[in-house]
Amino acid sequence: MMSDRTKPEISKNLPQGELVGKQVTNKVVLVGAGDVGLAYAYALVNQGTVDHLAMIDIDEKRLKGNVMDLNHGAVWAGGSTTVTVGSYEDCADADLLVICAGAAQKPGETRLQLVDKNLKILKSIIEPAMANDFDGIILVASNPVDILSYGAWKFSGLPAKRVFGSGTILDTARYRWMLGEMHHVSPSSIHAYIAGEHGDSELPVVSTANIAGVPLRAYADREDGYAERIEKVFHETRDAAYDIIDAKGSTSYGIGMGLARITKAIFKNQYVALPVSALLTGEYGLSDIYIGTPAIINRGGVNRVIELDLDEHEKELFDKSATQLREIMDEEFK
């Protein structure tokens, strides 16, 4: 996956040529330069996480403009990321393939209603990537992410640890932010997860959630109406995407930064727990399904899945979420 290689030369007039002057250690191929893909690219350039970002999109004219714009901004980012207009040939020496392409979720449309359209698009991406000898990690962001992550695993033939999705990383960020607003504390001091489908059947794992070590349920024991307030926070978390889509047409910055966080965990070999869509192999009593759960992420992808200690009610909700996903997976992959 990773080898010593020298960046080829950058063309002088267009940002699509190649790279020169440094050893490439981290190369990302991004497919899909819509709102989510561009937010992710912008976050990568700002954070200096990767050396080479090759971007692929069906609208090549717009893509060239965005690549130029990102390279100009990179001058002030303090990092060393070079962005190019890519092709599937870039997959041959890429470490990470990030998939943001797909039909957009329309107002009132659920993520699961996108299945047929986006599975076809996904296959049209995976096939040329693998035909060009891709042997890295695949990170899926397109919706419905749990089902598409499963599809990417099946279509690619790569080990499951090297194929996963963004899962509930955005839902968890929303939940922690809203809990932080409620408790007047930084979200970084809140340890709570949203698990299950990245969608309407997701669930908050309240039983293990805590603020600086104090369980959320301890607050419920001493504050009247606390449980109802927490339930309202979850409903706002779950429905946030619909509110954002109704207001501005799509979600982008939150998931873009979530993808950048996952990318950092991979390339810096951080062994950090992040809520992603990973393959279960017996965890939670389930197998052969991709679903949102914390997992340890490192340079190899998913090092291992963390099985949360769900209470009886949470386990029931998790199983219902898995059943909903499995029904669609069984139909699509029969």
Protein backbone atom coordinates (compact mmCIF):
# COMPACT_ATOMS: atom_id res chain seq x y z
CA MET A 1 0.00 0.00 0.00
CA MET A 2 2.60 2.52 1.05
CA SER A 3 5.99 2.69 -0.65
CA ASP A 4 8.79 5.15 -1.29
CA ARG A 5 7.83 6.98 -4.43
CA THR A 6 8.70 10.35 -5.87
CA LYS A 7 6.04 12.79 -6.94
CA PRO A 8 6.11 13.36 -10.71
CA GLU A 9 6.05 16.86 -12.20
CA ILE A 10 3.10 19.29 -11.90
CA SER A 11 1.89 20.78 -15.16
CA LYS A 12 2.38 24.53 -15.28
CA ASN A 13 -0.99 25.66 -16.53
CA LEU A 14 -3.52 23.12 -15.23
CA PRO A 15 -3.70 21.50 -11.80
CA GLN A 16 -4.08 18.06 -13.29
CA GLY A 17 -0.62 16.89 -14.09
CA GLU A 18 1.62 15.41 -11.58
CA LEU A 19 3.75 16.09 -8.57
CA VAL A 20 7.46 16.71 -8.06
CA GLY A 21 10.02 17.31 -5.38
CA LYS A 22 8.91 15.29 -2.34
CA GLN A 23 8.38 11.74 -1.25
CA VAL A 24 4.69 10.83 -1.26
CA THR A 25 3.66 9.03 1.90
CA ASN A 26 -0.09 9.73 1.95
CA LYS A 27 -2.15 9.80 -1.23
CA VAL A 28 -5.94 10.07 -1.37
CA VAL A 29 -8.18 9.61 -4.39
CA LEU A 30 -11.51 11.36 -3.87
CA VAL A 31 -14.42 10.47 -6.14
CA GLY A 32 -17.21 13.02 -6.05
CA ALA A 33 -16.52 16.75 -5.81
CA GLY A 34 -19.96 17.95 -4.83
CA ASP A 35 -20.72 19.74 -1.59
CA VAL A 36 -19.49 16.89 0.63
CA GLY A 37 -16.41 16.11 -1.43
CA LEU A 38 -15.35 19.75 -1.58
CA ALA A 39 -15.89 20.23 2.15
CA TYR A 40 -13.70 17.19 2.77
CA ALA A 41 -11.03 18.41 0.34
CA TYR A 42 -11.00 21.84 1.97
CA ALA A 43 -10.60 20.28 5.42
CA LEU A 44 -7.73 18.07 4.20
CA VAL A 45 -5.88 21.00 2.67
CA ASN A 46 -6.37 23.16 5.77
CA GLN A 47 -5.16 20.41 8.08
CA GLY A 48 -2.27 19.28 5.89
CA THR A 49 -3.14 15.64 6.51
CA VAL A 50 -2.18 14.29 3.08
CA ASP A 51 0.55 14.92 0.53
CA HIS A 52 -1.45 14.33 -2.63
CA LEU A 53 -5.20 14.61 -3.14
CA ALA A 54 -6.37 13.46 -6.58
CA MET A 55 -9.98 14.42 -7.28
CA ILE A 56 -12.36 12.77 -9.75
CA ASP A 57 -15.75 14.13 -10.81
CA ILE A 58 -18.02 13.91 -13.84
CA ASP A 59 -18.08 17.73 -14.16
CA GLU A 60 -14.46 18.14 -15.21
CA LYS A 61 -14.65 21.86 -15.97
CA ARG A 62 -15.96 22.70 -12.51
CA LEU A 63 -13.50 20.26 -10.96
CA LYS A 64 -10.52 21.99 -12.60
CA GLY A 65 -11.67 25.30 -11.16
CA ASN A 66 -12.06 23.86 -7.67
CA VAL A 67 -8.66 22.15 -7.84
CA MET A 68 -7.00 25.43 -8.81
CA ASP A 69 -8.85 27.25 -6.03
CA LEU A 70 -7.78 24.69 -3.42
CA ASN A 71 -4.14 24.83 -4.51
CA HIS A 72 -4.14 28.62 -4.28
CA GLY A 73 -5.58 28.48 -0.78
CA ALA A 74 -3.08 25.81 0.25
CA VAL A 75 -0.36 28.45 0.11
CA TRP A 76 -1.71 29.87 3.37
CA ALA A 77 -2.64 26.56 4.96
CA GLY A 78 0.90 25.89 6.12
CA GLY A 79 0.78 22.30 4.91
CA SER A 80 2.17 20.52 1.89
CA THR A 81 -0.95 19.09 0.25
CA THR A 82 -1.03 19.24 -3.54
CA VAL A 83 -4.40 18.80 -5.23
CA THR A 84 -4.74 17.47 -8.77
CA VAL A 85 -7.45 16.56 -11.23
CA GLY A 86 -7.29 12.80 -11.00
CA SER A 87 -8.28 9.71 -12.92
CA TYR A 88 -8.79 6.10 -11.91
CA GLU A 89 -5.16 5.47 -12.84
CA ASP A 90 -4.33 7.38 -9.65
CA CYS A 91 -5.74 4.44 -7.70
CA ALA A 92 -2.70 2.33 -8.56
CA ASP A 93 -0.56 3.99 -5.89
CA ALA A 94 -3.26 5.53 -3.69
CA ASP A 95 -3.46 4.70 0.01
CA LEU A 96 -7.07 5.78 0.48
CA LEU A 97 -10.08 5.91 -1.84
CA VAL A 98 -12.85 8.15 -0.51
CA ILE A 99 -16.25 7.90 -2.18
CA CYS A 100 -18.53 10.93 -1.94
CA ALA A 101 -20.24 10.51 -5.31
CA GLY A 102 -23.90 9.68 -5.52
CA ALA A 103 -27.40 10.99 -6.00
CA ALA A 104 -28.17 13.70 -3.46
CA GLN A 105 -30.81 13.24 -0.79
CA LYS A 106 -33.83 15.38 -1.66
CA PRO A 107 -36.07 17.15 0.88
CA GLY A 108 -38.35 14.56 2.45
CA GLU A 109 -36.38 11.63 1.03
CA THR A 110 -34.86 9.10 3.41
CA ARG A 111 -31.30 7.85 3.00
CA LEU A 112 -32.58 4.33 2.40
CA GLN A 113 -34.60 5.51 -0.61
CA LEU A 114 -31.30 6.28 -2.35
CA VAL A 115 -30.22 2.62 -2.41
CA ASP A 116 -30.78 1.58 -6.03
CA LYS A 117 -29.39 4.74 -7.60
CA ASN A 118 -26.30 4.92 -5.46
CA LEU A 119 -25.41 1.22 -5.57
CA LYS A 120 -25.14 1.51 -9.36
CA ILE A 121 -22.95 4.59 -9.03
CA LEU A 122 -20.83 2.85 -6.39
CA LYS A 123 -20.20 -0.14 -8.64
CA SER A 124 -19.19 2.18 -11.48
CA ILE A 125 -16.52 3.60 -9.16
CA ILE A 126 -15.23 0.42 -7.54
CA GLU A 127 -14.77 -1.49 -10.81
CA PRO A 128 -12.32 0.94 -12.50
CA ALA A 129 -10.52 1.53 -9.20
CA MET A 130 -9.85 -2.19 -8.78
CA ALA A 131 -9.04 -2.56 -12.49
CA ASN A 132 -6.23 -0.07 -11.85
CA ASP A 133 -4.80 -2.25 -9.07
CA PHE A 134 -6.09 -0.28 -6.09
CA ASP A 135 -4.88 -1.95 -2.90
CA GLY A 136 -5.55 0.59 -0.18
CA ILE A 137 -8.41 1.51 2.14
CA ILE A 138 -11.90 2.43 0.93
CA LEU A 139 -13.87 4.99 2.93
CA VAL A 140 -17.49 5.43 1.87
CA ALA A 141 -19.47 8.59 2.62
CA SER A 142 -22.31 8.30 0.09
CA ASN A 143 -25.75 7.38 1.42
CA PRO A 144 -27.18 5.07 2.54
CA VAL A 145 -23.68 4.64 3.92
CA ASP A 146 -24.15 1.33 5.76
CA ILE A 147 -25.51 -0.44 2.69
CA LEU A 148 -23.01 1.18 0.33
CA SER A 149 -20.14 0.22 2.63
CA TYR A 150 -21.31 -3.39 2.43
CA GLY A 151 -21.53 -3.01 -1.34
CA ALA A 152 -18.01 -1.57 -1.56
CA TRP A 153 -16.71 -4.56 0.38
CA LYS A 154 -18.52 -7.02 -1.89
CA PHE A 155 -17.64 -5.25 -5.14
CA SER A 156 -13.97 -4.69 -4.28
CA GLY A 157 -13.05 -8.04 -2.78
CA LEU A 158 -10.79 -6.26 -0.30
CA PRO A 159 -10.53 -7.38 3.34
CA ALA A 160 -13.37 -5.96 5.45
CA LYS A 161 -10.95 -4.09 7.71
CA ARG A 162 -9.95 -2.00 4.69
CA VAL A 163 -13.50 -1.12 3.64
CA PHE A 164 -15.71 0.95 5.92
CA GLY A 165 -18.02 3.93 5.95
CA SER A 166 -18.43 7.23 7.75
CA GLY A 167 -21.26 5.60 9.71
CA THR A 168 -22.54 7.67 12.61
CA ILE A 169 -19.52 9.95 12.91
CA LEU A 170 -21.65 12.96 11.96
CA ASP A 171 -24.61 11.92 14.12
CA THR A 172 -22.27 11.47 17.08
CA ALA A 173 -20.75 14.92 16.49
CA ARG A 174 -24.22 16.47 16.39
CA TYR A 175 -25.22 14.65 19.56
CA ARG A 176 -22.11 15.72 21.46
CA TRP A 177 -22.47 19.31 20.27
CA MET A 178 -26.11 19.48 21.37
CA LEU A 179 -25.32 17.87 24.71
CA GLY A 180 -22.53 20.41 25.13
CA GLU A 181 -24.94 23.26 24.48
CA MET A 182 -27.38 21.79 26.99
CA HIS A 183 -24.76 21.32 29.73
CA HIS A 184 -22.55 24.35 28.94
CA VAL A 185 -19.49 22.20 28.43
CA SER A 186 -17.13 21.56 25.53
CA PRO A 187 -18.17 18.63 23.30
CA SER A 188 -14.63 17.30 23.73
CA SER A 189 -15.52 16.53 27.36
CA ILE A 190 -18.59 14.54 26.32
CA HIS A 191 -18.27 10.83 25.65
CA ALA A 192 -21.44 9.64 23.95
CA TYR A 193 -22.25 7.73 20.78
CA ILE A 194 -25.01 7.42 18.25
CA ALA A 195 -25.09 3.84 16.96
CA GLY A 196 -26.96 1.79 14.38
CA GLU A 197 -28.00 2.91 10.93
CA HIS A 198 -26.88 6.35 9.81
CA GLY A 199 -30.51 7.29 9.42
CA ASP A 200 -33.94 7.19 10.96
CA SER A 201 -33.45 3.99 12.98
CA GLU A 202 -30.27 5.14 14.74
CA LEU A 203 -30.15 5.24 18.55
CA PRO A 204 -28.38 7.16 21.32
CA VAL A 205 -26.30 5.01 23.65
CA VAL A 206 -27.22 6.77 26.88
CA SER A 207 -26.29 3.90 29.19
CA THR A 208 -22.54 4.44 28.70
CA ALA A 209 -22.60 8.19 27.95
CA ASN A 210 -20.83 10.53 30.35
CA ILE A 211 -19.66 14.10 30.77
CA ALA A 212 -16.14 14.23 32.21
CA GLY A 213 -16.75 10.85 33.78
CA VAL A 214 -20.19 11.65 35.21
CA PRO A 215 -22.83 9.36 33.65
CA LEU A 216 -25.73 11.09 31.93
CA ARG A 217 -28.06 8.93 33.97
CA ALA A 218 -26.64 10.44 37.15
CA TYR A 219 -28.00 13.79 35.96
CA ALA A 220 -31.37 12.15 35.32
CA ASP A 221 -31.46 10.84 38.87
CA ARG A 222 -31.13 14.32 40.36
CA GLU A 223 -32.82 16.63 37.84
CA ASP A 224 -36.56 16.60 37.17
CA GLY A 225 -37.40 16.46 33.48
CA TYR A 226 -33.83 15.60 32.49
CA ALA A 227 -34.75 12.38 30.69
CA GLU A 228 -37.26 14.25 28.54
CA ARG A 229 -34.67 16.92 27.69
CA ILE A 230 -32.16 14.24 26.67
CA GLU A 231 -34.77 12.57 24.50
CA LYS A 232 -35.46 15.89 22.79
CA VAL A 233 -31.73 16.35 22.14
CA PHE A 234 -31.64 12.97 20.42
CA HIS A 235 -34.66 13.76 18.25
CA GLU A 236 -32.99 17.00 17.19
CA THR A 237 -29.81 15.05 16.44
CA ARG A 238 -31.62 12.45 14.36
CA ASP A 239 -33.61 15.02 12.40
CA ALA A 240 -30.81 17.57 11.95
CA ALA A 241 -30.00 16.42 8.41
CA TYR A 242 -33.57 17.04 7.28
CA ASP A 243 -33.52 20.51 8.82
CA ILE A 244 -30.21 21.35 7.13
CA ILE A 245 -31.30 19.96 3.76
CA ASP A 246 -34.52 21.95 3.98
CA ALA A 247 -32.56 25.12 4.81
CA LYS A 248 -29.62 24.90 2.40
CA GLY A 249 -30.08 21.88 0.18
CA SER A 250 -27.44 19.54 1.58
CA THR A 251 -25.20 18.76 4.52
CA SER A 252 -21.50 19.22 3.83
CA TYR A 253 -19.21 20.82 6.42
CA GLY A 254 -19.99 18.44 9.28
CA ILE A 255 -19.48 15.27 7.27
CA GLY A 256 -16.50 16.78 5.45
CA MET A 257 -14.73 17.40 8.74
CA GLY A 258 -15.78 13.98 10.01
CA LEU A 259 -14.15 12.37 6.98
CA ALA A 260 -11.03 14.44 7.55
CA ARG A 261 -10.92 13.18 11.15
CA ILE A 262 -11.10 9.58 9.96
CA THR A 263 -8.37 10.26 7.39
CA LYS A 264 -6.11 11.69 10.07
CA ALA A 265 -6.68 8.62 12.25
CA ILE A 266 -5.64 6.40 9.34
CA PHE A 267 -2.53 8.23 8.20
CA LYS A 268 -1.26 9.02 11.67
CA ASN A 269 -1.93 5.44 12.80
CA GLN A 270 -3.77 6.77 15.84
CA TYR A 271 -5.64 3.69 17.08
CA VAL A 272 -8.50 6.03 18.00
CA ALA A 273 -12.11 5.00 18.59
CA LEU A 274 -14.44 6.58 16.02
CA PRO A 275 -18.09 5.75 15.22
CA VAL A 276 -17.96 4.32 11.70
CA SER A 277 -19.88 1.81 9.61
CA ALA A 278 -17.95 -1.43 10.02
CA LEU A 279 -18.56 -5.10 9.33
CA LEU A 280 -19.81 -7.03 12.34
CA THR A 281 -18.45 -10.54 12.83
CA GLY A 282 -20.32 -11.58 15.95
CA GLU A 283 -20.32 -8.29 17.86
CA TYR A 284 -23.77 -7.43 19.25
CA GLY A 285 -24.77 -10.98 18.25
CA LEU A 286 -24.73 -9.98 14.56
CA SER A 287 -22.65 -10.92 11.53
CA ASP A 288 -22.34 -10.07 7.83
CA ILE A 289 -23.73 -6.56 8.21
CA TYR A 290 -22.24 -3.07 8.12
CA ILE A 291 -23.64 -0.76 10.80
CA GLY A 292 -22.63 2.25 12.90
CA THR A 293 -20.49 1.35 15.92
CA PRO A 294 -17.30 2.63 17.52
CA ALA A 295 -14.20 1.01 16.04
CA ILE A 296 -10.47 1.44 16.49
CA ILE A 297 -9.07 3.12 13.37
CA ASN A 298 -5.39 2.92 12.43
CA ARG A 299 -3.13 2.73 9.37
CA GLY A 300 -4.66 -0.58 8.38
CA GLY A 301 -8.26 0.67 8.54
CA VAL A 302 -10.58 -0.91 11.11
CA ASN A 303 -8.28 -2.52 13.67
CA ARG A 304 -11.22 -3.87 15.67
CA VAL A 305 -14.86 -3.14 16.42
CA ILE A 306 -15.75 -1.88 19.90
CA GLU A 307 -18.89 -3.58 21.17
CA LEU A 308 -20.73 -1.12 23.39
CA ASP A 309 -22.34 -2.49 26.54
CA LEU A 310 -25.93 -1.75 25.53
CA ASP A 311 -28.75 -2.00 28.02
CA GLU A 312 -31.81 -4.09 27.17
CA HIS A 313 -33.75 -1.25 25.54
CA GLU A 314 -30.75 -0.08 23.53
CA LYS A 315 -30.03 -3.62 22.33
CA GLU A 316 -33.63 -3.90 21.17
CA LEU A 317 -33.32 -0.65 19.21
CA PHE A 318 -29.95 -1.70 17.77
CA ASP A 319 -31.41 -5.01 16.62
CA LYS A 320 -34.35 -3.22 14.98
CA SER A 321 -31.95 -0.91 13.17
CA ALA A 322 -29.91 -3.89 11.98
CA THR A 323 -33.05 -5.71 10.84
CA GLN A 324 -34.09 -2.73 8.75
CA LEU A 325 -30.68 -2.60 7.09
CA ARG A 326 -30.52 -6.36 6.61
CA GLU A 327 -33.87 -6.48 4.82
CA ILE A 328 -32.56 -4.04 2.21
CA MET A 329 -29.14 -5.73 1.99
CA ASP A 330 -30.77 -9.12 1.45
CA GLU A 331 -32.90 -7.66 -1.34
CA GLU A 332 -30.01 -5.88 -3.06
CA PHE A 333 -27.35 -8.58 -2.67
CA LYS A 334 -29.41 -11.76 -3.00
